[in-house]
Structures are given as C-alpha cells and as structure tokens.
Amino acid sequence: MFRLSPLRLLGIIVASGLGLGLFLLAGLTLNYPTHLFFLKPEKFDASTWLLLRKEHSPRLECMAKDLVNSQELSGMTFKAVVQKLGSPDSTFYIDMLTDDAVPNPDPKELRTATYFLHTPYDRLDISFSPSGVVSNTIMGTTGAP
C-alpha cells in the first residue's frame, strides 16, 4: 500500500492550491466574462453613480452590472436615462449621415448611448428602439488592453 508522509501531503496541497490560484488569476485577466462574474455586486444608485463618474471609479462597473441584470432602464426615453445617469460619453444616431453620405447636422433616430466605465468592461451601451425607448442594456469592451 502507498503511504504519504504528512510533509509530502502538505506539499501536494500547497502545490494544488497554487496551481488553482494561478488558473483563476489567468482566467480573470484573460477572460472578461470571468472578470464580470467575480465583481462584487453593488446596487445601482443614481446619486452615487454620478459621483463615481466624476472620480472615474472602477465601482461604476459593479453598478453597471446591476443595471444590466435588472434591465431597469428598459422602456425609458433618452431624456429619462440622462436624468438618471447623466449625459452619455458618446451617442450614435442611425441617421448621422444623409443618403448621399453627408453628415446630418440634426440627426433624430438615436440608436445607442454609451457611458465609459474605465475598467476591463470599458463601457455601458444602452440601445434604443425606433420608438425612442431603451430596448437593451449591455456592458461592452473594445478588447484593447
């Protein structure tokens, strides 16, 4: 029968723990969905969100995750979203160009409002339907390091 000394058993346990730790660390740094899974949940609060945006805080990502999970913004107009989250960092309009590819000075059909999070998931994208209300909220990344 095979016998392990207590010292060898301790060595195996420590080595296994280090291996698992390195595996998780690699997963967190290489895989953004894994990173998102391990975020500490933080309930969205509009006044805190506005303060954290000024500070470029990584806590924005936690609140954005709550917004995505709850889909709290669904059905809201652009004006209501701006009242709740502040002005977006960028917007995309479907009619930004006219039919002959000239910039439209007064676009009307909003497609997406984007809020930058300054974290691995670097933005919160809020999509609008043709009727002008929020249809979807997602967290996105450019994939750039």
N, C-alpha and C. Protein backbone atom coordinates (compact mmCIF):
# COMPACT_ATOMS: atom_id res chain seq x y z
N MET A 1 0.83 -1.17 0.00
CA MET A 1 0.00 0.00 0.00
C MET A 1 0.89 1.25 0.00
N PHE A 2 0.42 2.28 -0.70
CA PHE A 2 1.18 3.52 -0.84
C PHE A 2 0.89 4.43 0.35
N ARG A 3 1.98 5.00 0.96
CA ARG A 3 1.81 5.88 2.11
C ARG A 3 2.45 7.23 1.81
N LEU A 4 1.77 8.28 2.21
CA LEU A 4 2.30 9.63 2.07
C LEU A 4 2.67 10.16 3.45
N SER A 5 3.84 10.77 3.51
CA SER A 5 4.21 11.41 4.77
C SER A 5 3.41 12.70 4.89
N PRO A 6 3.18 13.18 6.09
CA PRO A 6 2.43 14.42 6.28
C PRO A 6 3.08 15.60 5.55
N LEU A 7 4.39 15.63 5.47
CA LEU A 7 5.09 16.72 4.79
C LEU A 7 4.83 16.68 3.28
N ARG A 8 4.86 15.50 2.68
CA ARG A 8 4.58 15.37 1.25
C ARG A 8 3.11 15.71 0.96
N LEU A 9 2.22 15.29 1.82
CA LEU A 9 0.81 15.61 1.65
C LEU A 9 0.60 17.12 1.71
N LEU A 10 1.26 17.80 2.63
CA LEU A 10 1.18 19.25 2.71
C LEU A 10 1.72 19.89 1.43
N GLY A 11 2.82 19.36 0.91
CA GLY A 11 3.39 19.87 -0.34
C GLY A 11 2.43 19.73 -1.50
N ILE A 12 1.74 18.61 -1.58
CA ILE A 12 0.77 18.39 -2.65
C ILE A 12 -0.40 19.37 -2.53
N ILE A 13 -0.86 19.59 -1.32
CA ILE A 13 -1.98 20.51 -1.09
C ILE A 13 -1.57 21.94 -1.46
N VAL A 14 -0.39 22.36 -1.04
CA VAL A 14 0.08 23.72 -1.36
C VAL A 14 0.25 23.88 -2.86
N ALA A 15 0.87 22.89 -3.51
CA ALA A 15 1.08 22.97 -4.97
C ALA A 15 -0.25 23.01 -5.71
N SER A 16 -1.22 22.23 -5.25
CA SER A 16 -2.54 22.23 -5.89
C SER A 16 -3.20 23.60 -5.72
N GLY A 17 -3.10 24.16 -4.53
CA GLY A 17 -3.68 25.47 -4.27
C GLY A 17 -3.04 26.55 -5.11
N LEU A 18 -1.72 26.51 -5.26
CA LEU A 18 -1.04 27.49 -6.10
C LEU A 18 -1.45 27.34 -7.56
N GLY A 19 -1.56 26.09 -8.01
CA GLY A 19 -1.98 25.85 -9.39
C GLY A 19 -3.38 26.38 -9.65
N LEU A 20 -4.30 26.14 -8.73
CA LEU A 20 -5.66 26.64 -8.87
C LEU A 20 -5.67 28.17 -8.82
N GLY A 21 -4.87 28.74 -7.94
CA GLY A 21 -4.79 30.20 -7.84
C GLY A 21 -4.28 30.82 -9.13
N LEU A 22 -3.25 30.23 -9.73
CA LEU A 22 -2.73 30.75 -10.99
C LEU A 22 -3.75 30.59 -12.12
N PHE A 23 -4.47 29.46 -12.10
CA PHE A 23 -5.51 29.24 -13.11
C PHE A 23 -6.59 30.31 -13.01
N LEU A 24 -7.05 30.60 -11.79
CA LEU A 24 -8.07 31.63 -11.60
C LEU A 24 -7.55 33.01 -11.97
N LEU A 25 -6.31 33.30 -11.61
CA LEU A 25 -5.72 34.59 -11.96
C LEU A 25 -5.66 34.76 -13.47
N ALA A 26 -5.23 33.73 -14.18
CA ALA A 26 -5.17 33.79 -15.64
C ALA A 26 -6.58 33.98 -16.20
N GLY A 27 -7.55 33.29 -15.63
CA GLY A 27 -8.93 33.44 -16.09
C GLY A 27 -9.46 34.84 -15.89
N LEU A 28 -9.12 35.45 -14.77
CA LEU A 28 -9.60 36.81 -14.50
C LEU A 28 -8.96 37.83 -15.42
N THR A 29 -7.70 37.64 -15.76
CA THR A 29 -7.02 38.63 -16.58
C THR A 29 -7.25 38.42 -18.06
N LEU A 30 -7.52 37.19 -18.49
CA LEU A 30 -7.66 36.91 -19.91
C LEU A 30 -9.10 36.82 -20.37
N ASN A 31 -10.02 36.67 -19.46
CA ASN A 31 -11.38 36.39 -19.84
C ASN A 31 -12.31 37.39 -19.15
N TYR A 32 -12.81 38.38 -19.88
CA TYR A 32 -13.64 39.41 -19.27
C TYR A 32 -14.94 38.87 -18.68
N PRO A 33 -15.62 37.89 -19.30
CA PRO A 33 -16.82 37.37 -18.63
C PRO A 33 -16.51 36.77 -17.26
N THR A 34 -15.34 36.13 -17.13
CA THR A 34 -14.95 35.61 -15.83
C THR A 34 -14.76 36.76 -14.86
N HIS A 35 -14.13 37.83 -15.33
CA HIS A 35 -13.93 39.03 -14.51
C HIS A 35 -15.28 39.55 -14.03
N LEU A 36 -16.24 39.64 -14.93
CA LEU A 36 -17.56 40.16 -14.59
C LEU A 36 -18.24 39.27 -13.55
N PHE A 37 -18.04 37.96 -13.65
CA PHE A 37 -18.65 37.02 -12.71
C PHE A 37 -18.19 37.29 -11.28
N PHE A 38 -16.91 37.66 -11.10
CA PHE A 38 -16.36 37.85 -9.77
C PHE A 38 -16.52 39.26 -9.21
N LEU A 39 -17.20 40.15 -9.93
CA LEU A 39 -17.41 41.50 -9.41
C LEU A 39 -18.26 41.47 -8.16
N LYS A 40 -17.89 42.32 -7.21
CA LYS A 40 -18.72 42.46 -6.01
C LYS A 40 -19.99 43.20 -6.41
N PRO A 41 -21.14 42.61 -6.15
CA PRO A 41 -22.38 43.28 -6.55
C PRO A 41 -22.56 44.61 -5.81
N GLU A 42 -23.06 45.58 -6.53
CA GLU A 42 -23.37 46.86 -5.90
C GLU A 42 -24.64 47.38 -6.54
N LYS A 43 -25.65 47.58 -5.73
CA LYS A 43 -26.95 48.05 -6.21
C LYS A 43 -26.79 49.43 -6.84
N PHE A 44 -27.42 49.62 -8.00
CA PHE A 44 -27.36 50.91 -8.67
C PHE A 44 -28.06 51.97 -7.84
N ASP A 45 -27.40 53.11 -7.71
CA ASP A 45 -27.96 54.28 -7.04
C ASP A 45 -27.57 55.49 -7.88
N ALA A 46 -28.53 56.24 -8.35
CA ALA A 46 -28.28 57.32 -9.30
C ALA A 46 -27.33 58.38 -8.75
N SER A 47 -27.50 58.81 -7.50
CA SER A 47 -26.63 59.87 -6.97
C SER A 47 -25.19 59.36 -6.80
N THR A 48 -25.04 58.12 -6.35
CA THR A 48 -23.69 57.54 -6.23
C THR A 48 -23.06 57.38 -7.61
N TRP A 49 -23.84 56.93 -8.58
CA TRP A 49 -23.35 56.77 -9.96
C TRP A 49 -22.75 58.08 -10.48
N LEU A 50 -23.48 59.18 -10.27
CA LEU A 50 -23.00 60.48 -10.76
C LEU A 50 -21.69 60.89 -10.09
N LEU A 51 -21.56 60.62 -8.79
CA LEU A 51 -20.30 60.92 -8.08
C LEU A 51 -19.16 60.05 -8.59
N LEU A 52 -19.44 58.75 -8.79
CA LEU A 52 -18.40 57.83 -9.25
C LEU A 52 -17.94 58.16 -10.67
N ARG A 53 -18.83 58.68 -11.49
CA ARG A 53 -18.44 59.08 -12.86
C ARG A 53 -17.41 60.21 -12.81
N LYS A 54 -17.59 61.14 -11.89
CA LYS A 54 -16.64 62.25 -11.76
C LYS A 54 -15.27 61.75 -11.34
N GLU A 55 -15.25 60.69 -10.52
CA GLU A 55 -13.99 60.14 -10.00
C GLU A 55 -13.37 59.08 -10.92
N HIS A 56 -14.09 58.69 -11.98
CA HIS A 56 -13.65 57.59 -12.86
C HIS A 56 -13.40 56.32 -12.04
N SER A 57 -14.31 56.04 -11.14
CA SER A 57 -14.15 54.92 -10.21
C SER A 57 -14.45 53.57 -10.86
N PRO A 58 -13.66 52.53 -10.51
CA PRO A 58 -13.97 51.19 -11.01
C PRO A 58 -15.27 50.63 -10.45
N ARG A 59 -15.82 51.25 -9.42
CA ARG A 59 -17.10 50.81 -8.86
C ARG A 59 -18.25 51.01 -9.86
N LEU A 60 -18.03 51.86 -10.87
CA LEU A 60 -19.05 52.04 -11.90
C LEU A 60 -19.39 50.71 -12.56
N GLU A 61 -18.39 49.86 -12.73
CA GLU A 61 -18.60 48.57 -13.38
C GLU A 61 -19.58 47.72 -12.57
N CYS A 62 -19.46 47.77 -11.25
CA CYS A 62 -20.36 46.99 -10.38
C CYS A 62 -21.80 47.49 -10.51
N MET A 63 -21.96 48.80 -10.53
CA MET A 63 -23.31 49.36 -10.68
C MET A 63 -23.86 49.10 -12.08
N ALA A 64 -22.98 49.16 -13.08
CA ALA A 64 -23.43 48.89 -14.45
C ALA A 64 -23.91 47.44 -14.56
N LYS A 65 -23.24 46.54 -13.88
CA LYS A 65 -23.66 45.13 -13.89
C LYS A 65 -25.07 45.02 -13.31
N ASP A 66 -25.35 45.76 -12.25
CA ASP A 66 -26.69 45.73 -11.66
C ASP A 66 -27.72 46.28 -12.64
N LEU A 67 -27.38 47.36 -13.35
CA LEU A 67 -28.30 47.92 -14.34
C LEU A 67 -28.60 46.92 -15.45
N VAL A 68 -27.56 46.21 -15.90
CA VAL A 68 -27.74 45.22 -16.96
C VAL A 68 -28.61 44.06 -16.47
N ASN A 69 -28.30 43.56 -15.29
CA ASN A 69 -29.06 42.42 -14.75
C ASN A 69 -30.53 42.77 -14.50
N SER A 70 -30.78 43.96 -14.00
CA SER A 70 -32.15 44.35 -13.66
C SER A 70 -32.92 44.86 -14.88
N GLN A 71 -32.20 45.28 -15.92
CA GLN A 71 -32.82 45.92 -17.09
C GLN A 71 -33.76 47.05 -16.65
N GLU A 72 -33.33 47.74 -15.61
CA GLU A 72 -34.10 48.84 -15.00
C GLU A 72 -34.40 49.97 -15.99
N LEU A 73 -33.52 50.12 -16.97
CA LEU A 73 -33.70 51.22 -17.91
C LEU A 73 -34.67 50.91 -19.05
N SER A 74 -35.04 49.65 -19.20
CA SER A 74 -35.92 49.24 -20.31
C SER A 74 -37.20 50.08 -20.33
N GLY A 75 -37.52 50.57 -21.53
CA GLY A 75 -38.73 51.36 -21.70
C GLY A 75 -38.56 52.84 -21.42
N MET A 76 -37.40 53.26 -20.91
CA MET A 76 -37.17 54.68 -20.62
C MET A 76 -36.81 55.44 -21.89
N THR A 77 -37.14 56.71 -21.91
CA THR A 77 -36.74 57.58 -23.02
C THR A 77 -35.30 58.04 -22.79
N PHE A 78 -34.70 58.62 -23.83
CA PHE A 78 -33.33 59.14 -23.71
C PHE A 78 -33.27 60.20 -22.61
N LYS A 79 -34.27 61.06 -22.56
CA LYS A 79 -34.29 62.13 -21.56
C LYS A 79 -34.31 61.55 -20.14
N ALA A 80 -35.09 60.50 -19.92
CA ALA A 80 -35.16 59.87 -18.59
C ALA A 80 -33.84 59.20 -18.24
N VAL A 81 -33.18 58.59 -19.23
CA VAL A 81 -31.87 57.96 -18.98
C VAL A 81 -30.85 59.03 -18.59
N VAL A 82 -30.85 60.15 -19.28
CA VAL A 82 -29.90 61.23 -18.96
C VAL A 82 -30.18 61.79 -17.57
N GLN A 83 -31.43 61.89 -17.17
CA GLN A 83 -31.75 62.36 -15.81
C GLN A 83 -31.21 61.39 -14.77
N LYS A 84 -31.22 60.11 -15.08
CA LYS A 84 -30.80 59.09 -14.13
C LYS A 84 -29.28 58.89 -14.13
N LEU A 85 -28.64 58.88 -15.32
CA LEU A 85 -27.22 58.54 -15.43
C LEU A 85 -26.31 59.72 -15.78
N GLY A 86 -26.88 60.85 -16.10
CA GLY A 86 -26.09 61.98 -16.58
C GLY A 86 -25.92 61.87 -18.09
N SER A 87 -25.25 62.86 -18.67
CA SER A 87 -25.05 62.86 -20.12
C SER A 87 -24.14 61.71 -20.54
N PRO A 88 -24.48 61.04 -21.65
CA PRO A 88 -23.62 59.94 -22.10
C PRO A 88 -22.29 60.47 -22.63
N ASP A 89 -21.30 59.60 -22.64
CA ASP A 89 -19.98 59.97 -23.17
C ASP A 89 -19.99 60.01 -24.69
N SER A 90 -20.84 59.20 -25.30
CA SER A 90 -21.00 59.25 -26.75
C SER A 90 -22.39 58.74 -27.13
N THR A 91 -22.83 59.16 -28.30
CA THR A 91 -24.11 58.71 -28.83
C THR A 91 -23.93 58.33 -30.29
N PHE A 92 -24.75 57.41 -30.75
CA PHE A 92 -24.73 57.01 -32.15
C PHE A 92 -26.16 57.11 -32.68
N TYR A 93 -26.30 57.84 -33.77
CA TYR A 93 -27.60 58.00 -34.41
C TYR A 93 -27.59 57.24 -35.73
N ILE A 94 -28.70 56.58 -36.04
CA ILE A 94 -28.80 55.85 -37.30
C ILE A 94 -28.70 56.81 -38.47
N ASP A 95 -29.28 57.97 -38.34
CA ASP A 95 -29.30 58.94 -39.44
C ASP A 95 -28.21 60.01 -39.28
N MET A 96 -27.01 59.62 -38.82
CA MET A 96 -25.91 60.58 -38.66
C MET A 96 -25.42 61.08 -40.02
N LEU A 97 -25.64 60.28 -41.06
CA LEU A 97 -25.28 60.68 -42.42
C LEU A 97 -26.55 60.72 -43.26
N THR A 98 -26.60 61.65 -44.20
CA THR A 98 -27.73 61.70 -45.12
C THR A 98 -27.55 60.60 -46.17
N ASP A 99 -28.53 60.48 -47.06
CA ASP A 99 -28.48 59.43 -48.09
C ASP A 99 -27.25 59.54 -48.98
N ASP A 100 -26.75 60.74 -49.18
CA ASP A 100 -25.55 60.90 -50.02
C ASP A 100 -24.27 61.00 -49.19
N ALA A 101 -24.28 60.45 -47.97
CA ALA A 101 -23.11 60.32 -47.08
C ALA A 101 -22.56 61.66 -46.58
N VAL A 102 -23.42 62.64 -46.49
CA VAL A 102 -23.04 63.94 -45.93
C VAL A 102 -23.48 63.94 -44.47
N PRO A 103 -22.62 64.45 -43.55
CA PRO A 103 -23.03 64.48 -42.14
C PRO A 103 -24.34 65.25 -41.95
N ASN A 104 -25.24 64.63 -41.23
CA ASN A 104 -26.54 65.21 -40.95
C ASN A 104 -26.40 66.14 -39.75
N PRO A 105 -26.67 67.43 -39.89
CA PRO A 105 -26.50 68.37 -38.77
C PRO A 105 -27.54 68.18 -37.66
N ASP A 106 -28.63 67.51 -37.96
CA ASP A 106 -29.69 67.35 -36.97
C ASP A 106 -30.23 65.91 -36.99
N PRO A 107 -29.40 64.93 -36.54
CA PRO A 107 -29.89 63.54 -36.55
C PRO A 107 -31.01 63.36 -35.53
N LYS A 108 -31.93 62.46 -35.82
CA LYS A 108 -33.10 62.28 -34.95
C LYS A 108 -33.22 60.86 -34.39
N GLU A 109 -32.76 59.85 -35.12
CA GLU A 109 -33.02 58.48 -34.70
C GLU A 109 -31.85 57.91 -33.90
N LEU A 110 -31.94 58.05 -32.58
CA LEU A 110 -30.89 57.58 -31.67
C LEU A 110 -30.85 56.06 -31.65
N ARG A 111 -29.67 55.50 -31.77
CA ARG A 111 -29.51 54.04 -31.70
C ARG A 111 -28.88 53.63 -30.38
N THR A 112 -27.77 54.31 -29.97
CA THR A 112 -27.04 53.89 -28.78
C THR A 112 -26.50 55.09 -28.01
N ALA A 113 -26.59 55.00 -26.68
CA ALA A 113 -25.91 55.95 -25.79
C ALA A 113 -24.88 55.13 -25.02
N THR A 114 -23.66 55.68 -24.92
CA THR A 114 -22.57 54.94 -24.29
C THR A 114 -22.01 55.72 -23.10
N TYR A 115 -21.79 54.99 -22.00
CA TYR A 115 -21.16 55.53 -20.79
C TYR A 115 -19.88 54.75 -20.57
N PHE A 116 -18.75 55.45 -20.46
CA PHE A 116 -17.46 54.78 -20.25
C PHE A 116 -17.27 54.44 -18.77
N LEU A 117 -16.73 53.24 -18.52
CA LEU A 117 -16.59 52.73 -17.15
C LEU A 117 -15.14 52.74 -16.66
N HIS A 118 -14.17 52.84 -17.54
CA HIS A 118 -12.74 52.89 -17.17
C HIS A 118 -12.29 51.62 -16.45
N THR A 119 -12.75 50.48 -16.91
CA THR A 119 -12.42 49.18 -16.34
C THR A 119 -12.32 48.17 -17.48
N PRO A 120 -12.01 46.91 -17.21
CA PRO A 120 -11.94 45.94 -18.31
C PRO A 120 -13.20 45.91 -19.18
N TYR A 121 -14.38 45.96 -18.56
CA TYR A 121 -15.60 46.18 -19.34
C TYR A 121 -15.70 47.68 -19.44
N ASP A 122 -15.24 48.25 -20.53
CA ASP A 122 -15.00 49.68 -20.54
C ASP A 122 -16.19 50.56 -20.91
N ARG A 123 -17.34 49.95 -21.15
CA ARG A 123 -18.48 50.81 -21.47
C ARG A 123 -19.81 50.13 -21.15
N LEU A 124 -20.80 50.97 -20.91
CA LEU A 124 -22.18 50.56 -20.75
C LEU A 124 -22.91 51.08 -21.98
N ASP A 125 -23.44 50.18 -22.80
CA ASP A 125 -24.15 50.56 -24.02
C ASP A 125 -25.64 50.42 -23.81
N ILE A 126 -26.36 51.49 -24.08
CA ILE A 126 -27.82 51.49 -23.93
C ILE A 126 -28.41 51.66 -25.33
N SER A 127 -29.10 50.63 -25.79
CA SER A 127 -29.69 50.65 -27.13
C SER A 127 -31.13 51.14 -27.08
N PHE A 128 -31.49 51.90 -28.11
CA PHE A 128 -32.84 52.46 -28.21
C PHE A 128 -33.56 51.87 -29.41
N SER A 129 -34.85 51.63 -29.24
CA SER A 129 -35.67 51.12 -30.35
C SER A 129 -36.06 52.29 -31.25
N PRO A 130 -36.61 52.00 -32.44
CA PRO A 130 -37.06 53.09 -33.32
C PRO A 130 -38.11 53.99 -32.66
N SER A 131 -38.84 53.48 -31.67
CA SER A 131 -39.84 54.31 -30.98
C SER A 131 -39.20 55.26 -29.97
N GLY A 132 -37.88 55.14 -29.73
CA GLY A 132 -37.19 56.08 -28.87
C GLY A 132 -37.06 55.68 -27.41
N VAL A 133 -37.35 54.41 -27.09
CA VAL A 133 -37.19 53.95 -25.71
C VAL A 133 -36.10 52.89 -25.64
N VAL A 134 -35.56 52.70 -24.43
CA VAL A 134 -34.48 51.73 -24.23
C VAL A 134 -35.00 50.33 -24.54
N SER A 135 -34.25 49.63 -25.39
CA SER A 135 -34.63 48.27 -25.74
C SER A 135 -33.67 47.24 -25.11
N ASN A 136 -32.43 47.67 -24.83
CA ASN A 136 -31.44 46.73 -24.28
C ASN A 136 -30.32 47.51 -23.60
N THR A 137 -29.75 46.91 -22.57
CA THR A 137 -28.62 47.49 -21.86
C THR A 137 -27.57 46.41 -21.73
N ILE A 138 -26.35 46.67 -22.22
CA ILE A 138 -25.27 45.68 -22.14
C ILE A 138 -23.97 46.35 -21.73
N MET A 139 -23.05 45.54 -21.22
CA MET A 139 -21.69 46.02 -20.95
C MET A 139 -20.82 45.51 -22.08
N GLY A 140 -19.96 46.37 -22.60
CA GLY A 140 -19.13 46.00 -23.72
C GLY A 140 -17.69 46.38 -23.50
N THR A 141 -16.84 45.89 -24.38
CA THR A 141 -15.41 46.20 -24.34
C THR A 141 -14.88 46.26 -25.75
N THR A 142 -13.87 47.07 -25.94
CA THR A 142 -13.22 47.12 -27.23
C THR A 142 -12.25 45.97 -27.39
N GLY A 143 -11.92 45.32 -26.29
CA GLY A 143 -10.96 44.23 -26.33
C GLY A 143 -9.52 44.72 -26.29
N ALA A 144 -9.33 46.02 -26.28
CA ALA A 144 -7.97 46.57 -26.21
C ALA A 144 -7.47 46.50 -24.79
N PRO A 145 -6.17 46.20 -24.61
CA PRO A 145 -5.61 46.13 -23.25
C PRO A 145 -5.56 47.47 -22.57
